[in-house]
Structure formats: C-alpha cells, structure tokens
Amino acid sequence: MTLIIADTTCGLPRDLLEKRGIPLIPQIVVFDQNSFHDDKEMDTATFLKKLKESKTLPKTAAPEPPQYYPFFKAAQENGESVIVVAPTAKASGTVRSAETAAQEFPKANIRVVDTQTISCNLGSLVLLADDMAKAGESADEIVAKLNDMIPRGRIYFLVDTLEYLAKGGRIGGAKRLVAELLEIKPILQVKNGQVEAFEQQRTKKRALARLTDVAVEQCPGGEAAHLCVIQVEAEREAEAFAADLKSKINVSQIPIYELPPAIVVHAGPRTMGVGFFV
C-alpha cells in the first residue's frame, strides 16, 4: 500500500481529504511575529480578515520537517511506501522540507514529487495519485503517472487588484498605479513551476471573457482533463464561470476550490482562475 500525503497549497477541502485518509500538512503564515498553521489555526476566511487589516504583507513558510515524521515513521515500520505530492519548489520550500524529513527514515520508501504547480492542479494530482494507490498500483507506477501529467498542466488566473503583488515585490508600485488607473487586469499563469504574466485586458469583464476563451481553446475536455475552477471571495462569479465552461467543454463536472492562505497572500481577495491538463 502507498500513502499519499498532501499539503494545504493543494486547496482541496479538508473533509474530502479526511474521508479519503490523505494526511494534510499545513503551510505556515506569519503575521508580524505570530505564526499560524493554515489548517485548523488559520482558515482562508480568518486569513482574509487579518490580511485586509494588516499594513504589511504577511509571510509564508513551508511546513517544518517534523510535520512529516509520524507518517514516515509508520511507513518505515509497516514496510509501506509514501508519496509526498508537493507544490512547485520554485514557489515553496515544501519539497525541501519533505526531503529533509525523509532523511531521518532511510529505510522507508519515500518519494517526494515536485509537481511544478500549485492550487487546483496540485489537488487533481493528489486525488489521481490516491485513486491509483487505492487501486493497488505501485509507488513506481504512481510517480511515473504524475511525471507524465506534470508538464501537461495549465493554470490561468485573474487577480482583482495588483495591491498584493506590489506589496510582495512582484511588480513595482508605479506599474501598479498605472495599471489600476487604466483598469488593466492581468491574466497570470503557472508556467515551468512559477507564476508568470500571460496577457492583460482592459476591465475585469474582458479579462474574464478571455479566461473563458483560453480554457475553451486549450482544454481537451473529458474527465482526464481534470478541469477545475479556483476562487477566493468570488463564489458566485466562480459558479457562473464554471457553468459557462461546462456548457462549452465536454466535462461532467467542474469542482470549485477555495484558494488557501499561502496563495491568497500573493494573489489577494477576489482572485479567480481555472486549471486543467492537456
């Protein structure tokens, strides 16, 4: 048997992971000198409230290696395999933390997979890996499948404001001011494991329409596409967006996932996007 381990950057609902028996390792959010694990100590709603009240951008940190110890120890004792399905190493230290933890259990069969993605696509890979593990497929087969899927992932998202990208040093203050005066709404993408600009549109309405067009153009449809929508403080818009996509792309369902604090800290409130595999 192979145990799949996720972390909170996957954005999957906690109750779904608990039902499946997938351990969820928390990221760390730091406001001033106070640290919180973003699972039961700091959910997205609580985080957003503190974020809006804070004059400075909070920091995030990867899970501490000891968070993995109980699961790695049990696997070593039981002769089982473990696969940590981790967010991109270019944006998170989770891969490094899991690898550091694995060194304490040299007899255990532990694989740490850098998925080169985050959010809903990471969640899709977690669920896929868990389905394969429960079907009795080996750790080698699961890792091979993940490595096949990784380069085919696409995530595009629209931020409502450039405020948080500016606070985080991702863009300059002058650029933010000009963009907001001109009502420019950037569409961003996760590419090669990091967030990059895709294109920009005038007005949010046009940006959302373009986001739809991109998904329709690129997503092949079918359940293997693992099409999903992400949002934070944009539930109604996300539901309408998902319904529109479903009418244009051949998929039976499109799950909508809430962005976790470790991602919202950079994207900000009212972010919305789409993820799939080609």
Protein backbone atom coordinates (compact mmCIF):
# COMPACT_ATOMS: atom_id res chain seq x y z
CA MET A 1 0.00 0.00 0.00
CA THR A 2 1.16 3.53 -0.79
CA LEU A 3 0.20 6.53 1.34
CA ILE A 4 -0.31 9.83 -0.47
CA ILE A 5 0.50 13.00 1.50
CA ALA A 6 -0.78 16.45 0.53
CA ASP A 7 -0.30 19.93 1.94
CA THR A 8 -2.61 22.90 2.20
CA THR A 9 -1.45 24.56 -1.03
CA CYS A 10 -3.48 21.94 -2.94
CA GLY A 11 -6.67 23.74 -1.84
CA LEU A 12 -8.68 20.52 -1.52
CA PRO A 13 -11.47 20.58 1.07
CA ARG A 14 -10.35 19.24 4.43
CA ASP A 15 -13.35 16.95 4.78
CA LEU A 16 -12.66 15.34 1.39
CA LEU A 17 -9.06 14.57 2.38
CA GLU A 18 -10.14 13.22 5.76
CA LYS A 19 -12.70 10.96 4.09
CA ARG A 20 -10.01 9.60 1.80
CA GLY A 21 -7.47 9.26 4.59
CA ILE A 22 -4.96 11.62 2.95
CA PRO A 23 -2.79 13.46 5.52
CA LEU A 24 -2.82 17.24 5.05
CA ILE A 25 0.37 19.04 6.06
CA PRO A 26 -0.10 22.75 6.88
CA GLN A 27 1.86 25.64 5.48
CA ILE A 28 2.86 28.45 7.85
CA VAL A 29 1.54 32.01 7.72
CA VAL A 30 3.36 34.72 9.70
CA PHE A 31 1.69 37.99 10.72
CA ASP A 32 4.29 40.20 12.38
CA GLN A 33 5.86 37.83 14.92
CA ASN A 34 2.94 35.43 15.15
CA SER A 35 2.99 32.14 13.22
CA PHE A 36 -0.07 30.11 12.30
CA HIS A 37 -0.53 26.75 10.62
CA ASP A 38 -3.01 27.31 7.82
CA ASP A 39 -5.13 24.27 8.50
CA LYS A 40 -7.12 24.49 11.73
CA GLU A 41 -5.31 27.53 13.13
CA MET A 42 -5.87 29.85 10.16
CA ASP A 43 -8.51 29.14 7.51
CA THR A 44 -8.99 31.33 4.45
CA ALA A 45 -11.81 33.43 5.94
CA THR A 46 -9.79 34.25 9.07
CA PHE A 47 -6.72 34.92 6.96
CA LEU A 48 -8.56 37.34 4.68
CA LYS A 49 -9.83 39.35 7.63
CA LYS A 50 -6.33 39.71 9.05
CA LEU A 51 -4.86 40.39 5.60
CA LYS A 52 -7.20 43.33 4.97
CA GLU A 53 -6.43 44.79 8.40
CA SER A 54 -2.65 44.39 8.10
CA LYS A 55 -0.48 47.26 6.86
CA THR A 56 2.29 44.87 5.84
CA LEU A 57 2.11 41.73 3.77
CA PRO A 58 2.31 38.56 5.88
CA LYS A 59 4.97 35.99 5.13
CA THR A 60 4.60 32.31 4.40
CA ALA A 61 6.85 29.38 5.16
CA ALA A 62 6.97 25.72 4.24
CA PRO A 63 5.94 23.01 6.70
CA GLU A 64 8.53 22.07 9.31
CA PRO A 65 10.13 18.66 8.57
CA PRO A 66 8.81 17.14 11.86
CA GLN A 67 5.27 17.52 10.46
CA TYR A 68 6.07 14.54 8.24
CA TYR A 69 7.73 12.37 10.88
CA PRO A 70 4.68 10.41 12.16
CA PHE A 71 3.71 9.32 8.65
CA PHE A 72 7.25 8.49 7.56
CA LYS A 73 7.89 6.56 10.78
CA ALA A 74 4.72 4.50 10.38
CA ALA A 75 5.61 3.72 6.76
CA GLN A 76 9.10 2.58 7.75
CA GLU A 77 7.73 0.34 10.50
CA ASN A 78 4.99 -1.13 8.29
CA GLY A 79 7.07 -1.53 5.16
CA GLU A 80 4.76 0.76 3.18
CA SER A 81 5.54 3.42 0.58
CA VAL A 82 4.87 7.15 0.86
CA ILE A 83 4.49 9.70 -1.92
CA VAL A 84 4.52 13.39 -0.99
CA VAL A 85 2.73 15.25 -3.79
CA ALA A 86 4.32 18.66 -3.27
CA PRO A 87 3.84 22.17 -4.72
CA THR A 88 6.42 23.63 -7.06
CA ALA A 89 9.85 24.03 -5.49
CA LYS A 90 10.20 27.38 -7.29
CA ALA A 91 7.49 28.91 -5.10
CA SER A 92 7.59 26.81 -1.93
CA GLY A 93 10.11 25.11 0.33
CA THR A 94 7.80 22.13 0.83
CA VAL A 95 9.85 19.81 -1.38
CA ARG A 96 12.98 20.63 0.61
CA SER A 97 11.19 20.14 3.95
CA ALA A 98 9.80 16.76 2.93
CA GLU A 99 13.16 15.62 1.59
CA THR A 100 14.85 16.74 4.82
CA ALA A 101 12.30 14.79 6.84
CA ALA A 102 12.79 11.70 4.65
CA GLN A 103 16.50 11.62 5.51
CA GLU A 104 15.54 10.71 9.09
CA PHE A 105 13.93 7.49 7.84
CA PRO A 106 16.47 5.93 5.45
CA LYS A 107 14.78 2.50 5.42
CA ALA A 108 11.42 3.86 4.31
CA ASN A 109 10.36 4.01 0.65
CA ILE A 110 9.57 7.74 0.46
CA ARG A 111 9.11 9.65 -2.79
CA VAL A 112 8.85 13.45 -2.89
CA VAL A 113 7.37 14.66 -6.18
CA ASP A 114 7.87 18.28 -7.25
CA THR A 115 4.68 18.79 -9.25
CA GLN A 116 5.83 22.19 -10.56
CA THR A 117 2.34 23.52 -9.85
CA ILE A 118 0.05 24.73 -7.08
CA SER A 119 -3.62 25.03 -6.19
CA CYS A 120 -6.27 23.03 -8.05
CA ASN A 121 -3.89 21.23 -10.43
CA LEU A 122 -1.88 20.12 -7.41
CA GLY A 123 -5.15 18.94 -5.89
CA SER A 124 -6.00 16.99 -9.04
CA LEU A 125 -2.64 15.24 -8.91
CA VAL A 126 -3.18 14.39 -5.23
CA LEU A 127 -6.55 12.80 -5.98
CA LEU A 128 -5.21 10.96 -9.02
CA ALA A 129 -2.30 9.55 -7.00
CA ASP A 130 -4.65 8.48 -4.21
CA ASP A 131 -7.02 6.77 -6.68
CA MET A 132 -4.08 4.81 -8.10
CA ALA A 133 -2.79 3.89 -4.64
CA LYS A 134 -6.22 2.63 -3.55
CA ALA A 135 -6.41 0.61 -6.79
CA GLY A 136 -3.24 -1.18 -5.70
CA GLU A 137 -0.82 0.38 -8.16
CA SER A 138 2.80 0.62 -7.06
CA ALA A 139 4.70 3.71 -5.98
CA ASP A 140 6.75 3.46 -9.19
CA GLU A 141 3.59 3.43 -11.32
CA ILE A 142 2.08 6.37 -9.45
CA VAL A 143 5.22 8.51 -9.70
CA ALA A 144 5.53 7.69 -13.41
CA LYS A 145 1.94 8.80 -13.99
CA LEU A 146 2.48 12.03 -12.06
CA ASN A 147 5.63 12.79 -14.02
CA ASP A 148 3.67 12.24 -17.24
CA MET A 149 0.92 14.62 -16.10
CA ILE A 150 3.09 17.43 -14.72
CA PRO A 151 4.23 19.05 -18.00
CA ARG A 152 0.67 18.92 -19.32
CA GLY A 153 -0.79 21.08 -16.55
CA ARG A 154 -2.17 24.55 -17.23
CA ILE A 155 -3.35 27.14 -14.70
CA TYR A 156 -4.58 30.62 -15.61
CA PHE A 157 -5.92 33.10 -13.09
CA LEU A 158 -7.15 36.64 -12.79
CA VAL A 159 -6.31 38.88 -9.85
CA ASP A 160 -8.77 41.57 -8.83
CA THR A 161 -6.09 44.01 -7.65
CA LEU A 162 -2.35 44.40 -8.07
CA GLU A 163 -2.01 45.58 -4.47
CA TYR A 164 -0.74 42.30 -3.09
CA LEU A 165 1.63 41.59 -5.97
CA ALA A 166 3.08 45.07 -5.39
CA LYS A 167 3.40 44.54 -1.63
CA GLY A 168 5.17 41.27 -2.27
CA GLY A 169 7.65 42.90 -4.61
CA ARG A 170 6.34 41.06 -7.69
CA ILE A 171 5.64 44.36 -9.50
CA GLY A 172 6.66 47.96 -8.85
CA GLY A 173 4.37 50.47 -7.17
CA ALA A 174 4.38 52.78 -10.20
CA LYS A 175 3.37 49.95 -12.52
CA ARG A 176 0.54 49.03 -10.17
CA LEU A 177 -0.72 52.63 -10.11
CA VAL A 178 -0.70 52.99 -13.90
CA ALA A 179 -2.38 49.62 -14.38
CA GLU A 180 -5.15 50.40 -11.94
CA LEU A 181 -5.74 53.87 -13.41
CA LEU A 182 -6.12 52.26 -16.84
CA GLU A 183 -8.27 49.45 -15.40
CA ILE A 184 -5.79 46.87 -16.66
CA LYS A 185 -6.50 43.37 -15.41
CA PRO A 186 -3.57 40.96 -15.81
CA ILE A 187 -4.12 37.29 -16.53
CA LEU A 188 -1.37 35.24 -14.93
CA GLN A 189 -0.28 31.66 -15.48
CA VAL A 190 1.69 28.98 -13.72
CA LYS A 191 4.42 28.03 -16.18
CA ASN A 192 7.54 25.94 -15.57
CA GLY A 193 6.78 25.92 -11.87
CA GLN A 194 6.43 29.65 -11.35
CA VAL A 195 3.89 32.45 -11.80
CA GLU A 196 4.33 34.45 -14.99
CA ALA A 197 2.33 37.03 -16.92
CA PHE A 198 0.14 35.59 -19.68
CA GLU A 199 -1.55 38.68 -21.05
CA GLN A 200 -3.58 41.67 -19.91
CA GLN A 201 -7.01 43.02 -20.67
CA ARG A 202 -8.83 46.29 -20.13
CA THR A 203 -11.56 45.76 -17.49
CA LYS A 204 -12.32 42.69 -15.44
CA LYS A 205 -15.23 41.72 -17.70
CA ARG A 206 -12.94 41.42 -20.71
CA ALA A 207 -10.32 39.56 -18.69
CA LEU A 208 -12.87 37.01 -17.50
CA ALA A 209 -14.16 36.54 -21.05
CA ARG A 210 -10.60 35.96 -22.22
CA LEU A 211 -10.01 33.50 -19.38
CA THR A 212 -13.01 31.55 -20.64
CA ASP A 213 -11.74 31.63 -24.23
CA VAL A 214 -8.30 30.36 -23.20
CA ALA A 215 -9.80 27.42 -21.30
CA VAL A 216 -12.13 26.54 -24.18
CA GLU A 217 -9.27 26.76 -26.69
CA GLN A 218 -6.80 24.70 -24.71
CA CYS A 219 -8.73 22.25 -22.52
CA PRO A 220 -9.30 18.96 -24.39
CA GLY A 221 -12.38 18.04 -22.38
CA GLY A 222 -13.15 14.66 -20.89
CA GLU A 223 -12.53 13.59 -17.33
CA ALA A 224 -8.78 13.16 -17.95
CA ALA A 225 -8.52 16.96 -18.28
CA HIS A 226 -9.29 17.33 -14.54
CA LEU A 227 -10.85 20.73 -15.23
CA CYS A 228 -11.38 22.79 -12.07
CA VAL A 229 -12.03 26.38 -11.02
CA ILE A 230 -10.34 28.29 -8.20
CA GLN A 231 -11.62 31.31 -6.31
CA VAL A 232 -11.37 33.36 -3.16
CA GLU A 233 -14.20 35.70 -2.14
CA ALA A 234 -15.73 35.20 -5.60
CA GLU A 235 -18.07 32.27 -5.10
CA ARG A 236 -20.95 33.49 -7.28
CA GLU A 237 -18.63 34.58 -10.08
CA ALA A 238 -16.83 31.24 -9.90
CA GLU A 239 -20.11 29.33 -10.08
CA ALA A 240 -21.17 31.30 -13.15
CA PHE A 241 -17.70 30.84 -14.67
CA ALA A 242 -17.81 27.07 -14.08
CA ALA A 243 -21.32 26.83 -15.54
CA ASP A 244 -20.18 28.71 -18.65
CA LEU A 245 -17.15 26.43 -19.05
CA LYS A 246 -19.31 23.33 -18.61
CA SER A 247 -21.60 24.47 -21.41
CA LYS A 248 -18.62 24.81 -23.76
CA ILE A 249 -16.26 21.99 -22.71
CA ASN A 250 -17.15 18.31 -22.59
CA VAL A 251 -16.83 17.55 -18.87
CA SER A 252 -19.40 16.09 -16.49
CA GLN A 253 -18.44 18.24 -13.51
CA ILE A 254 -16.16 21.14 -12.60
CA PRO A 255 -15.18 21.32 -8.93
CA ILE A 256 -14.67 24.78 -7.45
CA TYR A 257 -11.89 25.07 -4.86
CA GLU A 258 -11.14 27.94 -2.49
CA LEU A 259 -7.59 29.25 -2.59
CA PRO A 260 -5.62 28.63 0.63
CA PRO A 261 -3.91 31.41 2.64
CA ALA A 262 -0.41 30.60 1.35
CA ILE A 263 -1.58 31.51 -2.17
CA VAL A 264 -4.02 34.31 -1.28
CA VAL A 265 -1.17 36.20 0.39
CA HIS A 266 0.23 36.95 -3.09
CA ALA A 267 -2.90 36.91 -5.25
CA GLY A 268 -5.23 38.81 -2.91
CA PRO A 269 -9.01 38.67 -2.47
CA ARG A 270 -11.44 38.06 -5.35
CA THR A 271 -8.93 36.09 -7.38
CA MET A 272 -10.39 33.55 -9.78
CA GLY A 273 -8.92 31.07 -12.21
CA VAL A 274 -9.01 27.74 -13.99
CA GLY A 275 -6.79 24.67 -14.07
CA PHE A 276 -6.68 21.62 -16.34
CA PHE A 277 -4.39 19.15 -18.11
CA VAL A 278 -3.94 18.97 -21.88
